[in-house]
N, C-alpha and C. Protein backbone atom coordinates (compact mmCIF):
# COMPACT_ATOMS: atom_id res chain seq x y z
N MET A 1 104.58 124.56 82.48
CA MET A 1 104.21 123.47 83.42
C MET A 1 104.59 122.29 82.81
N PRO A 2 105.29 121.51 83.70
CA PRO A 2 105.64 120.06 83.18
C PRO A 2 104.59 119.10 82.91
N GLN A 3 104.48 118.32 82.01
CA GLN A 3 103.52 117.40 81.52
C GLN A 3 103.51 116.26 82.76
N PRO A 4 102.29 115.78 83.33
CA PRO A 4 102.28 114.66 84.31
C PRO A 4 102.51 113.44 83.41
N GLN A 5 103.29 112.67 84.30
CA GLN A 5 103.90 111.30 83.81
C GLN A 5 102.56 110.30 84.06
N LEU A 6 102.17 109.60 83.14
CA LEU A 6 101.20 108.53 83.13
C LEU A 6 101.56 107.48 83.55
N PRO A 7 100.80 106.60 84.53
CA PRO A 7 101.31 105.39 85.16
C PRO A 7 101.44 104.48 83.80
N ALA A 8 102.49 103.45 84.17
CA ALA A 8 102.69 102.43 83.03
C ALA A 8 101.52 101.52 82.88
N THR A 9 101.28 101.16 81.70
CA THR A 9 100.07 100.06 81.47
C THR A 9 100.59 98.83 81.90
N VAL A 10 99.78 98.21 82.56
CA VAL A 10 100.05 96.65 83.42
C VAL A 10 99.24 95.74 82.87
N LEU A 11 99.59 94.60 82.29
CA LEU A 11 98.88 93.55 81.76
C LEU A 11 99.12 92.25 82.80
N THR A 12 98.00 91.55 82.97
CA THR A 12 98.19 90.38 83.92
C THR A 12 98.39 89.10 83.11
N ARG A 13 99.61 88.39 83.40
CA ARG A 13 99.73 87.16 82.60
C ARG A 13 99.70 86.12 83.72
N ALA A 14 99.72 84.83 82.93
CA ALA A 14 99.36 83.70 84.13
C ALA A 14 100.48 82.48 83.68
N VAL A 15 100.94 81.99 84.69
CA VAL A 15 101.40 80.67 84.52
C VAL A 15 100.54 79.53 85.10
N THR A 16 100.05 78.74 84.16
CA THR A 16 98.94 77.83 84.52
C THR A 16 99.58 76.26 84.39
N GLY A 17 98.81 75.30 84.98
CA GLY A 17 99.17 73.95 84.85
C GLY A 17 98.50 73.14 85.78
N ARG A 18 98.61 71.87 85.91
CA ARG A 18 98.14 71.03 86.86
C ARG A 18 98.29 71.68 88.29
N ASN A 19 97.40 71.91 89.05
CA ASN A 19 97.28 72.48 90.38
C ASN A 19 98.14 73.66 90.47
N ARG A 20 98.31 74.36 89.51
CA ARG A 20 99.20 75.54 89.44
C ARG A 20 98.34 76.70 88.67
N GLN A 21 98.21 77.92 89.43
CA GLN A 21 97.64 79.15 88.51
C GLN A 21 98.40 80.21 89.36
N ILE A 22 99.29 80.95 88.51
CA ILE A 22 100.08 82.07 89.03
C ILE A 22 99.86 83.44 88.08
N TYR A 23 99.32 84.37 88.77
CA TYR A 23 99.28 85.48 87.92
C TYR A 23 100.61 86.48 88.47
N TYR A 24 101.02 87.31 87.29
CA TYR A 24 101.98 88.27 87.59
C TYR A 24 101.93 89.10 86.45
N PRO A 25 102.44 90.39 86.76
CA PRO A 25 102.35 91.77 85.98
C PRO A 25 103.52 91.82 84.78
N GLN A 26 102.88 92.25 83.65
CA GLN A 26 103.92 92.54 82.64
C GLN A 26 103.61 93.93 82.06
N LEU A 27 104.49 95.00 82.10
CA LEU A 27 104.28 96.19 81.37
C LEU A 27 104.14 96.20 80.01
N ALA A 28 103.35 97.18 79.38
CA ALA A 28 103.03 97.30 77.95
C ALA A 28 103.05 98.82 77.52
N ASN A 29 103.32 98.95 76.25
CA ASN A 29 103.40 100.34 75.58
C ASN A 29 104.42 101.38 76.16
N LEU A 30 105.39 100.92 76.74
CA LEU A 30 106.44 101.76 77.33
C LEU A 30 107.18 102.56 76.02
N ALA A 31 107.45 103.63 76.18
CA ALA A 31 108.13 104.57 75.15
C ALA A 31 109.46 103.98 74.77
N ASN A 32 110.18 103.31 75.89
CA ASN A 32 111.43 102.63 75.57
C ASN A 32 111.17 101.20 75.61
N HIS A 33 111.32 100.69 74.57
CA HIS A 33 110.88 99.09 74.25
C HIS A 33 111.92 98.39 75.01
N GLN A 34 113.21 98.90 74.81
CA GLN A 34 114.27 97.92 75.60
C GLN A 34 114.07 97.94 77.17
N ALA A 35 113.72 99.07 77.66
CA ALA A 35 113.25 99.03 79.17
C ALA A 35 112.05 98.13 79.50
N GLU A 36 111.08 98.17 78.46
CA GLU A 36 109.79 97.34 78.74
C GLU A 36 110.32 95.77 78.72
N THR A 37 111.24 95.52 77.90
CA THR A 37 111.72 94.11 77.56
C THR A 37 112.52 93.70 78.95
N GLN A 38 113.50 94.63 79.54
CA GLN A 38 114.02 94.26 80.59
C GLN A 38 113.40 94.18 81.81
N ILE A 39 112.54 95.14 81.97
CA ILE A 39 111.64 94.93 83.43
C ILE A 39 110.84 93.67 83.31
N ASN A 40 110.03 93.37 81.97
CA ASN A 40 109.19 92.27 82.09
C ASN A 40 110.13 90.93 82.26
N ARG A 41 111.30 90.91 81.76
CA ARG A 41 112.21 89.81 81.90
C ARG A 41 112.35 89.54 83.45
N ILE A 42 112.60 90.73 84.06
CA ILE A 42 113.24 90.44 85.52
C ILE A 42 111.73 90.09 86.20
N LEU A 43 110.61 90.40 85.86
CA LEU A 43 109.42 90.17 86.61
C LEU A 43 109.08 88.80 86.32
N PHE A 44 109.25 88.10 85.33
CA PHE A 44 109.16 86.77 84.95
C PHE A 44 110.13 85.96 85.64
N GLN A 45 111.44 86.34 85.86
CA GLN A 45 112.52 85.56 86.41
C GLN A 45 112.13 85.37 88.01
N THR A 46 111.58 86.56 88.48
CA THR A 46 111.14 86.63 89.87
C THR A 46 110.06 85.81 90.12
N VAL A 47 109.01 85.65 89.26
CA VAL A 47 108.04 84.45 89.31
C VAL A 47 108.64 83.08 89.32
N GLN A 48 109.68 82.93 88.38
CA GLN A 48 110.35 81.53 88.28
C GLN A 48 111.15 81.31 89.68
N GLY A 49 111.61 82.39 90.11
CA GLY A 49 112.56 82.22 91.31
C GLY A 49 111.51 81.71 92.54
N LEU A 50 110.28 82.36 92.63
CA LEU A 50 109.40 82.00 93.80
C LEU A 50 109.05 80.32 93.64
N ILE A 51 108.72 79.93 92.33
CA ILE A 51 108.41 78.63 92.19
C ILE A 51 109.53 77.65 92.68
N LYS A 52 110.83 77.98 92.33
CA LYS A 52 111.85 77.21 92.63
C LYS A 52 112.11 77.15 94.29
N ASP A 53 111.89 78.35 94.85
CA ASP A 53 111.78 78.46 96.37
C ASP A 53 110.77 77.56 96.87
N GLN A 54 109.61 77.26 96.22
CA GLN A 54 108.55 76.38 96.91
C GLN A 54 109.09 75.06 96.61
N GLN A 55 109.63 74.71 95.43
CA GLN A 55 110.07 73.33 95.08
C GLN A 55 111.06 73.00 96.04
N ASN A 56 111.98 73.78 96.73
CA ASN A 56 112.89 73.50 97.73
C ASN A 56 112.34 73.11 98.95
N VAL A 57 111.08 73.56 99.31
CA VAL A 57 110.63 73.33 100.65
C VAL A 57 109.39 72.39 100.53
N GLN A 58 108.67 72.28 99.51
CA GLN A 58 107.61 71.39 99.63
C GLN A 58 107.99 69.79 99.54
N VAL A 59 107.34 69.11 100.34
CA VAL A 59 107.51 67.53 100.21
C VAL A 59 107.00 66.85 99.03
N PRO A 60 107.48 65.84 98.47
CA PRO A 60 106.78 65.27 97.22
C PRO A 60 105.40 64.86 97.64
N GLY A 61 104.65 65.13 96.41
CA GLY A 61 103.19 64.81 96.39
C GLY A 61 102.31 66.00 95.56
N ASP A 62 101.19 65.86 95.97
CA ASP A 62 100.17 66.86 94.92
C ASP A 62 100.14 68.20 95.27
N THR A 63 101.10 68.77 95.05
CA THR A 63 101.29 70.34 95.44
C THR A 63 100.45 71.24 94.89
N GLN A 64 99.81 72.00 95.55
CA GLN A 64 98.98 73.15 94.95
C GLN A 64 99.43 74.36 94.91
N MET A 65 99.46 75.15 93.90
CA MET A 65 100.54 76.40 94.02
C MET A 65 99.52 77.60 93.33
N GLN A 66 99.46 78.67 94.21
CA GLN A 66 98.75 79.89 93.68
C GLN A 66 99.73 81.04 93.84
N GLY A 67 99.72 82.00 92.78
CA GLY A 67 100.56 83.21 92.84
C GLY A 67 99.71 84.64 92.48
N SER A 68 99.96 85.58 92.95
CA SER A 68 99.35 86.88 92.77
C SER A 68 100.43 87.78 92.80
N TYR A 69 99.88 89.25 92.55
CA TYR A 69 100.78 90.31 92.54
C TYR A 69 99.82 91.63 93.27
N GLU A 70 100.83 92.42 93.65
CA GLU A 70 100.18 93.76 94.10
C GLU A 70 100.95 95.00 93.63
N ILE A 71 100.52 95.91 92.90
CA ILE A 71 101.09 97.01 92.35
C ILE A 71 101.34 98.12 93.70
N LYS A 72 102.51 98.34 94.06
CA LYS A 72 102.64 99.21 95.12
C LYS A 72 102.94 100.91 94.68
N ASN A 73 103.67 100.87 93.58
CA ASN A 73 103.92 102.20 93.23
C ASN A 73 103.86 102.25 91.62
N ASN A 74 103.22 103.06 91.02
CA ASN A 74 103.06 103.27 89.60
C ASN A 74 102.89 104.77 89.18
N GLN A 75 103.81 105.41 89.51
CA GLN A 75 103.79 106.96 89.25
C GLN A 75 105.17 107.42 89.15
N ARG A 76 105.39 108.54 88.63
CA ARG A 76 106.65 109.34 88.28
C ARG A 76 107.67 108.60 87.64
N GLY A 77 107.15 107.48 86.85
CA GLY A 77 108.14 106.56 86.15
C GLY A 77 108.87 105.51 87.09
N ILE A 78 108.31 105.36 88.30
CA ILE A 78 108.85 104.24 89.14
C ILE A 78 107.79 103.32 89.41
N PHE A 79 108.21 102.09 88.92
CA PHE A 79 107.03 101.05 89.04
C PHE A 79 107.59 100.01 90.27
N SER A 80 106.88 99.87 91.10
CA SER A 80 107.14 98.62 92.23
C SER A 80 106.12 97.82 92.49
N THR A 81 106.40 96.68 92.57
CA THR A 81 105.24 95.52 92.95
C THR A 81 105.90 94.27 93.53
N THR A 82 104.90 93.81 94.36
CA THR A 82 105.36 92.43 95.07
C THR A 82 104.50 91.38 94.36
N LEU A 83 105.23 90.17 94.52
CA LEU A 83 104.64 89.06 93.84
C LEU A 83 104.84 87.98 94.93
N SER A 84 103.62 87.11 95.10
CA SER A 84 103.61 86.43 96.27
C SER A 84 103.33 84.81 95.68
N ASN A 85 103.74 83.74 96.28
CA ASN A 85 103.61 82.46 95.77
C ASN A 85 103.17 81.74 97.10
N TYR A 86 102.19 81.05 97.01
CA TYR A 86 101.76 80.23 98.09
C TYR A 86 101.58 78.60 97.51
N ALA A 87 102.16 77.79 98.29
CA ALA A 87 101.77 76.40 97.86
C ALA A 87 101.61 75.38 99.12
N TYR A 88 100.80 74.48 98.93
CA TYR A 88 100.69 73.59 100.08
C TYR A 88 100.74 72.00 99.51
N THR A 89 101.24 71.24 100.10
CA THR A 89 101.40 69.77 99.76
C THR A 89 100.78 68.98 100.78
N PRO A 90 99.39 68.16 100.60
CA PRO A 90 99.00 67.29 101.69
C PRO A 90 99.96 66.64 102.56
N ARG A 91 99.75 66.57 103.75
CA ARG A 91 100.81 66.07 104.76
C ARG A 91 101.59 67.02 105.42
N MET A 92 101.79 68.15 104.92
CA MET A 92 102.46 69.31 105.47
C MET A 92 101.62 69.98 106.61
N ALA A 93 102.23 70.48 107.61
CA ALA A 93 101.45 70.94 108.75
C ALA A 93 100.72 72.25 108.12
N HIS A 94 101.30 72.99 107.32
CA HIS A 94 100.58 74.19 106.70
C HIS A 94 101.13 74.62 105.50
N GLY A 95 100.47 75.35 104.71
CA GLY A 95 101.06 75.90 103.54
C GLY A 95 102.20 76.85 103.60
N MET A 96 102.99 77.19 102.63
CA MET A 96 104.23 78.20 102.65
C MET A 96 104.05 79.35 101.67
N THR A 97 104.24 80.48 102.17
CA THR A 97 104.23 81.57 101.17
C THR A 97 105.61 82.24 101.08
N PHE A 98 106.14 82.39 99.86
CA PHE A 98 107.21 83.41 99.57
C PHE A 98 106.87 84.74 99.08
N LEU A 99 107.50 85.69 99.26
CA LEU A 99 107.34 87.12 98.63
C LEU A 99 108.41 87.52 97.79
N GLY A 100 108.28 87.94 96.62
CA GLY A 100 109.32 88.63 96.00
C GLY A 100 108.84 89.91 95.59
N SER A 101 109.92 90.80 95.10
CA SER A 101 109.48 92.33 94.73
C SER A 101 110.47 92.89 93.63
N VAL A 102 109.81 93.59 92.78
CA VAL A 102 110.65 94.52 91.77
C VAL A 102 110.27 95.92 91.82
N THR A 103 111.48 96.60 91.75
CA THR A 103 111.21 98.17 91.54
C THR A 103 112.10 98.54 90.51
N ALA A 104 111.45 99.22 89.57
CA ALA A 104 112.37 99.61 88.34
C ALA A 104 111.82 101.01 87.94
N ASN A 105 112.84 101.50 86.96
CA ASN A 105 112.38 102.89 86.30
C ASN A 105 111.89 102.51 84.95
N ILE A 106 110.70 102.88 84.51
CA ILE A 106 110.01 102.68 83.38
C ILE A 106 110.74 103.30 82.09
N HIS A 107 111.26 104.31 82.41
CA HIS A 107 112.18 105.11 81.39
C HIS A 107 113.28 104.50 80.85
N THR A 108 114.19 103.95 81.94
CA THR A 108 115.53 103.50 81.55
C THR A 108 115.42 102.21 81.60
N GLY A 109 114.68 101.37 82.40
CA GLY A 109 114.68 99.88 82.47
C GLY A 109 115.74 99.49 83.62
N ALA A 110 116.14 100.60 84.57
CA ALA A 110 116.98 100.21 85.66
C ALA A 110 116.16 99.44 86.56
N ILE A 111 116.75 98.36 87.33
CA ILE A 111 116.06 97.71 88.37
C ILE A 111 117.08 97.81 89.55
N TYR A 112 116.20 98.14 90.52
CA TYR A 112 116.66 98.77 91.63
C TYR A 112 116.97 97.61 92.79
N SER A 113 118.18 97.69 93.36
CA SER A 113 118.58 97.04 94.55
C SER A 113 118.34 98.17 95.90
N LEU A 114 118.39 97.51 97.00
CA LEU A 114 118.42 98.58 98.10
C LEU A 114 119.58 99.43 98.13
N ARG A 115 120.73 98.78 98.04
CA ARG A 115 121.98 99.49 97.74
C ARG A 115 121.87 100.73 96.84
N SER A 116 121.32 100.56 95.85
CA SER A 116 121.40 101.59 94.55
C SER A 116 120.59 102.69 95.03
N LEU A 117 119.61 102.64 96.00
CA LEU A 117 118.62 103.68 96.27
C LEU A 117 119.41 104.85 97.18
N PHE A 118 120.55 104.46 97.58
CA PHE A 118 121.39 105.50 98.44
C PHE A 118 122.88 105.81 97.93
N LYS A 119 123.28 106.94 98.38
CA LYS A 119 124.53 107.55 98.09
C LYS A 119 125.72 106.45 98.31
N PRO A 120 126.52 106.43 97.35
CA PRO A 120 127.57 105.42 97.35
C PRO A 120 128.50 105.72 98.84
N GLY A 121 128.51 104.61 99.49
CA GLY A 121 129.42 104.67 100.77
C GLY A 121 128.73 105.10 101.87
N SER A 122 127.36 105.42 101.74
CA SER A 122 126.41 105.68 102.89
C SER A 122 126.22 104.55 103.96
N ASN A 123 125.96 104.92 105.07
CA ASN A 123 125.66 104.12 106.02
C ASN A 123 124.18 103.47 106.15
N TYR A 124 123.83 103.34 104.86
CA TYR A 124 122.28 103.00 104.70
C TYR A 124 121.75 101.78 105.64
N VAL A 125 122.63 100.65 105.65
CA VAL A 125 122.40 99.36 106.57
C VAL A 125 122.04 99.82 107.74
N GLU A 126 122.95 100.63 108.58
CA GLU A 126 122.86 101.16 109.87
C GLU A 126 121.77 101.82 110.24
N VAL A 127 121.43 102.93 109.23
CA VAL A 127 120.29 103.65 109.36
C VAL A 127 118.78 103.08 109.31
N ILE A 128 118.76 101.99 108.20
CA ILE A 128 117.48 101.42 108.12
C ILE A 128 117.61 100.42 109.08
N SER A 129 118.32 99.69 109.68
CA SER A 129 118.48 98.79 110.90
C SER A 129 117.91 99.47 111.98
N ALA A 130 118.48 100.63 112.28
CA ALA A 130 118.14 101.44 113.55
C ALA A 130 116.39 101.64 113.36
N HIS A 131 116.01 101.94 112.33
CA HIS A 131 114.43 102.27 112.10
C HIS A 131 113.83 100.69 112.27
N VAL A 132 114.17 99.72 111.72
CA VAL A 132 113.53 98.38 112.05
C VAL A 132 113.52 97.93 113.50
N LYS A 133 114.58 98.08 114.17
CA LYS A 133 114.82 97.95 115.60
C LYS A 133 113.74 98.59 116.45
N GLU A 134 113.64 100.02 116.04
CA GLU A 134 112.77 100.84 116.84
C GLU A 134 111.37 100.37 116.29
N GLN A 135 111.04 100.08 115.39
CA GLN A 135 109.52 99.61 115.03
C GLN A 135 109.36 98.26 115.66
N ILE A 136 110.30 97.43 115.75
CA ILE A 136 110.14 96.12 116.32
C ILE A 136 109.89 96.29 117.84
N ARG A 137 110.38 97.27 118.57
CA ARG A 137 110.18 97.59 119.93
C ARG A 137 108.90 98.17 120.03
N ARG A 138 108.60 99.31 119.37
CA ARG A 138 107.49 100.06 119.38
C ARG A 138 106.22 99.22 119.20
N ARG A 139 106.26 98.36 118.12
CA ARG A 139 105.07 97.60 117.87
C ARG A 139 104.96 96.40 118.47
N GLN A 140 105.83 96.17 119.25
CA GLN A 140 105.95 94.95 120.08
C GLN A 140 106.03 93.57 119.14
N ILE A 141 106.86 93.61 118.12
CA ILE A 141 106.71 92.46 117.11
C ILE A 141 107.68 91.37 117.90
N PRO A 142 106.96 90.14 118.06
CA PRO A 142 107.87 88.87 118.55
C PRO A 142 108.89 88.48 117.46
N THR A 143 110.10 88.23 117.91
CA THR A 143 111.22 87.93 116.99
C THR A 143 111.64 86.69 117.57
N LEU A 144 112.30 85.76 116.53
CA LEU A 144 112.80 84.67 116.82
C LEU A 144 114.24 84.72 117.85
N GLN A 145 114.91 85.84 117.52
CA GLN A 145 116.08 86.11 118.45
C GLN A 145 116.17 87.65 118.23
N GLU A 146 116.94 88.06 118.87
CA GLU A 146 117.21 89.75 118.94
C GLU A 146 117.61 90.16 117.47
N PHE A 147 117.02 91.06 117.00
CA PHE A 147 117.24 91.64 115.77
C PHE A 147 118.60 92.34 115.70
N THR A 148 119.37 92.23 114.76
CA THR A 148 120.75 92.93 114.69
C THR A 148 120.69 93.93 113.49
N ALA A 149 120.78 93.44 112.33
CA ALA A 149 120.72 94.35 111.26
C ALA A 149 120.11 93.59 110.02
N ILE A 150 119.57 94.52 109.09
CA ILE A 150 119.24 93.90 107.80
C ILE A 150 120.52 93.56 107.06
N SER A 151 120.08 92.96 105.87
CA SER A 151 121.36 92.59 104.94
C SER A 151 121.44 93.53 103.85
N PRO A 152 122.69 93.85 103.26
CA PRO A 152 122.84 94.96 102.41
C PRO A 152 121.98 94.90 101.23
N ASP A 153 121.57 93.69 101.11
CA ASP A 153 120.66 93.63 99.89
C ASP A 153 119.07 92.93 100.16
N GLN A 154 118.80 93.64 101.31
CA GLN A 154 117.53 93.32 101.92
C GLN A 154 116.23 93.77 100.94
N GLU A 155 115.34 92.64 100.95
CA GLU A 155 114.10 92.79 99.96
C GLU A 155 113.48 94.01 100.51
N PHE A 156 112.85 94.73 99.43
CA PHE A 156 111.94 95.92 99.75
C PHE A 156 110.87 96.17 98.68
N TYR A 157 110.21 97.48 98.68
CA TYR A 157 109.35 97.75 97.70
C TYR A 157 109.01 99.31 98.15
N LEU A 158 108.84 99.91 97.21
CA LEU A 158 108.28 101.45 97.23
C LEU A 158 107.05 101.69 97.11
N ALA A 159 106.27 102.57 97.96
CA ALA A 159 104.92 102.89 98.13
C ALA A 159 104.61 104.22 98.27
N ASP A 160 104.65 104.98 97.11
CA ASP A 160 104.43 106.41 97.27
C ASP A 160 105.79 106.93 98.02
N LYS A 161 105.62 107.75 98.90
CA LYS A 161 106.88 108.34 99.54
C LYS A 161 107.26 107.38 100.76
N THR A 162 107.45 106.14 100.59
CA THR A 162 107.79 105.27 101.78
C THR A 162 108.50 104.12 101.12
N LEU A 163 109.52 103.73 101.79
CA LEU A 163 110.43 102.58 101.60
C LEU A 163 109.79 101.56 102.58
N VAL A 164 109.61 100.38 101.99
CA VAL A 164 109.06 99.24 102.83
C VAL A 164 110.18 98.15 102.93
N ILE A 165 110.61 97.92 103.94
CA ILE A 165 111.63 96.63 104.15
C ILE A 165 110.74 95.58 104.69
N TYR A 166 111.10 94.39 103.93
CA TYR A 166 110.33 93.36 104.53
C TYR A 166 111.15 92.03 104.64
N PHE A 167 110.81 91.06 105.51
CA PHE A 167 111.46 89.75 105.45
C PHE A 167 110.56 88.66 105.21
N GLN A 168 111.15 87.41 104.79
CA GLN A 168 110.20 86.39 104.51
C GLN A 168 109.75 85.84 105.72
N LEU A 169 108.81 84.70 105.72
CA LEU A 169 108.41 83.90 106.92
C LEU A 169 109.43 83.39 107.31
N TYR A 170 109.64 83.22 108.90
CA TYR A 170 110.65 82.60 109.75
C TYR A 170 111.82 83.36 109.54
N ALA A 171 112.15 84.47 108.83
CA ALA A 171 113.34 84.99 108.85
C ALA A 171 113.76 85.57 110.07
N ILE A 172 112.98 86.48 110.51
CA ILE A 172 113.07 87.00 111.87
C ILE A 172 111.98 86.79 113.07
N THR A 173 110.99 86.38 112.45
CA THR A 173 109.64 86.25 113.32
C THR A 173 109.04 84.89 113.06
N PRO A 174 108.13 84.56 114.12
CA PRO A 174 107.55 83.26 114.02
C PRO A 174 106.53 83.32 112.87
N TYR A 175 106.18 82.05 112.43
CA TYR A 175 105.25 82.05 111.32
C TYR A 175 104.03 82.71 111.38
N TYR A 176 103.36 82.83 112.50
CA TYR A 176 102.00 83.36 112.84
C TYR A 176 102.15 85.02 112.55
N VAL A 177 103.20 85.40 112.60
CA VAL A 177 103.28 86.93 112.50
C VAL A 177 103.03 87.28 111.02
N GLY A 178 103.30 86.50 110.23
CA GLY A 178 103.32 86.66 108.64
C GLY A 178 104.53 87.38 108.27
N PHE A 179 104.45 88.23 107.12
CA PHE A 179 105.53 88.82 106.61
C PHE A 179 105.72 90.26 107.35
N PRO A 180 106.89 90.14 108.18
CA PRO A 180 107.23 91.35 109.06
C PRO A 180 107.57 92.59 107.90
N MET A 181 106.81 93.71 107.93
CA MET A 181 107.07 94.83 107.06
C MET A 181 107.33 96.11 108.00
N PHE A 182 108.28 96.85 107.40
CA PHE A 182 108.70 98.08 108.12
C PHE A 182 108.72 99.31 107.25
N PRO A 183 107.66 100.11 107.07
CA PRO A 183 107.71 101.26 106.44
C PRO A 183 108.59 102.40 106.87
N ILE A 184 109.20 102.91 106.22
CA ILE A 184 110.09 104.10 106.56
C ILE A 184 109.85 105.36 105.44
N SER A 185 109.54 106.40 106.13
CA SER A 185 109.28 107.67 105.04
C SER A 185 110.57 108.03 104.50
N VAL A 186 110.28 108.35 103.35
CA VAL A 186 111.56 108.89 102.38
C VAL A 186 112.18 110.06 102.92
N TYR A 187 111.39 110.84 103.73
CA TYR A 187 111.92 111.97 104.29
C TYR A 187 112.87 111.56 105.53
N ASP A 188 112.65 110.46 105.97
CA ASP A 188 113.35 110.19 107.10
C ASP A 188 114.84 109.62 106.70
N LEU A 189 114.85 109.48 105.36
CA LEU A 189 116.20 108.89 104.63
C LEU A 189 116.96 109.82 103.82
N GLU A 190 116.40 111.18 103.96
CA GLU A 190 116.86 112.14 102.95
C GLU A 190 118.30 112.36 102.98
N PRO A 191 119.06 112.44 104.07
CA PRO A 191 120.38 112.73 103.99
C PRO A 191 121.36 111.57 103.36
N ILE A 192 120.85 110.54 103.12
CA ILE A 192 121.44 109.49 102.36
C ILE A 192 121.12 108.86 101.20
N ILE A 193 119.89 109.41 100.71
CA ILE A 193 119.43 109.03 99.32
C ILE A 193 120.07 109.36 98.15
N ASP A 194 120.17 108.61 97.30
CA ASP A 194 120.84 109.11 95.84
C ASP A 194 119.95 110.19 95.13
N GLU A 195 120.36 111.13 95.12
CA GLU A 195 119.60 112.42 94.74
C GLU A 195 119.23 112.27 93.20
N ASN A 196 119.59 111.17 92.59
CA ASN A 196 119.02 110.81 91.05
C ASN A 196 118.25 109.54 91.22
N GLY A 197 118.11 108.97 92.24
CA GLY A 197 117.41 107.74 92.42
C GLY A 197 116.09 107.79 92.70
N PRO A 198 115.28 106.55 92.73
CA PRO A 198 113.85 106.62 92.75
C PRO A 198 113.19 107.34 94.06
N LEU A 199 113.98 107.23 95.23
CA LEU A 199 113.56 107.87 96.70
C LEU A 199 113.56 109.31 96.31
N ALA A 200 114.45 109.78 95.78
CA ALA A 200 114.41 111.14 95.41
C ALA A 200 113.31 111.80 94.48
N ILE A 201 113.03 110.92 93.51
CA ILE A 201 112.01 111.20 92.73
C ILE A 201 110.84 111.22 93.26
N LEU A 202 110.33 110.34 94.04
CA LEU A 202 109.19 110.10 94.79
C LEU A 202 109.07 111.30 95.89
N ALA A 203 110.01 111.59 96.44
CA ALA A 203 110.14 112.61 97.48
C ALA A 203 109.93 114.18 97.05
N ALA A 204 110.22 114.31 95.59
CA ALA A 204 110.25 115.65 95.11
C ALA A 204 108.75 116.21 95.17
N ASP A 205 108.79 117.49 95.37
CA ASP A 205 107.53 118.27 95.26
C ASP A 205 107.37 118.73 93.81
N ILE A 206 106.20 118.07 93.09
CA ILE A 206 105.95 118.42 91.76
C ILE A 206 104.56 119.23 91.55
């Protein structure tokens, strides 16, 4: 009988400063130290990227910034997390939030893009776009214009046996909608998923 895979140890780190408090995850005690270093570097780079995104949209002034994270998957060697950054500068109509995500293999240190989840040459963009279109219709989600397709490197995270596609604020929907998220069952994607990738790992019966 195979040994169960334990979840990765997650430590909370912080970037703090005047009017700035940002919490983010770092993995610890992985068997593969190189993988641990690689994943932690990408996590921190994602935090820095969100800070830069805020700096590009905030007006000059006394900006308040807060960041947090949510672990979406930490099983079977697949770690997936979202990282959020909220900032507000007085005189702006409202605050702004950006969302980032990282999905990685804790054994190898591989960082997954959306493309890497699927078989080479597969029509994953068309398949996922069709699911998103159907959910927009069924859930009656208001959009700024008619939705056509996701981008090949669309942002996502994994949660158990689900691929969740998401968009930034204002990307396809009005601000009041929040982050539009579209969960898709791994089983609905089975014909095109990479048989050695994280979706296959999460879908497998163990």
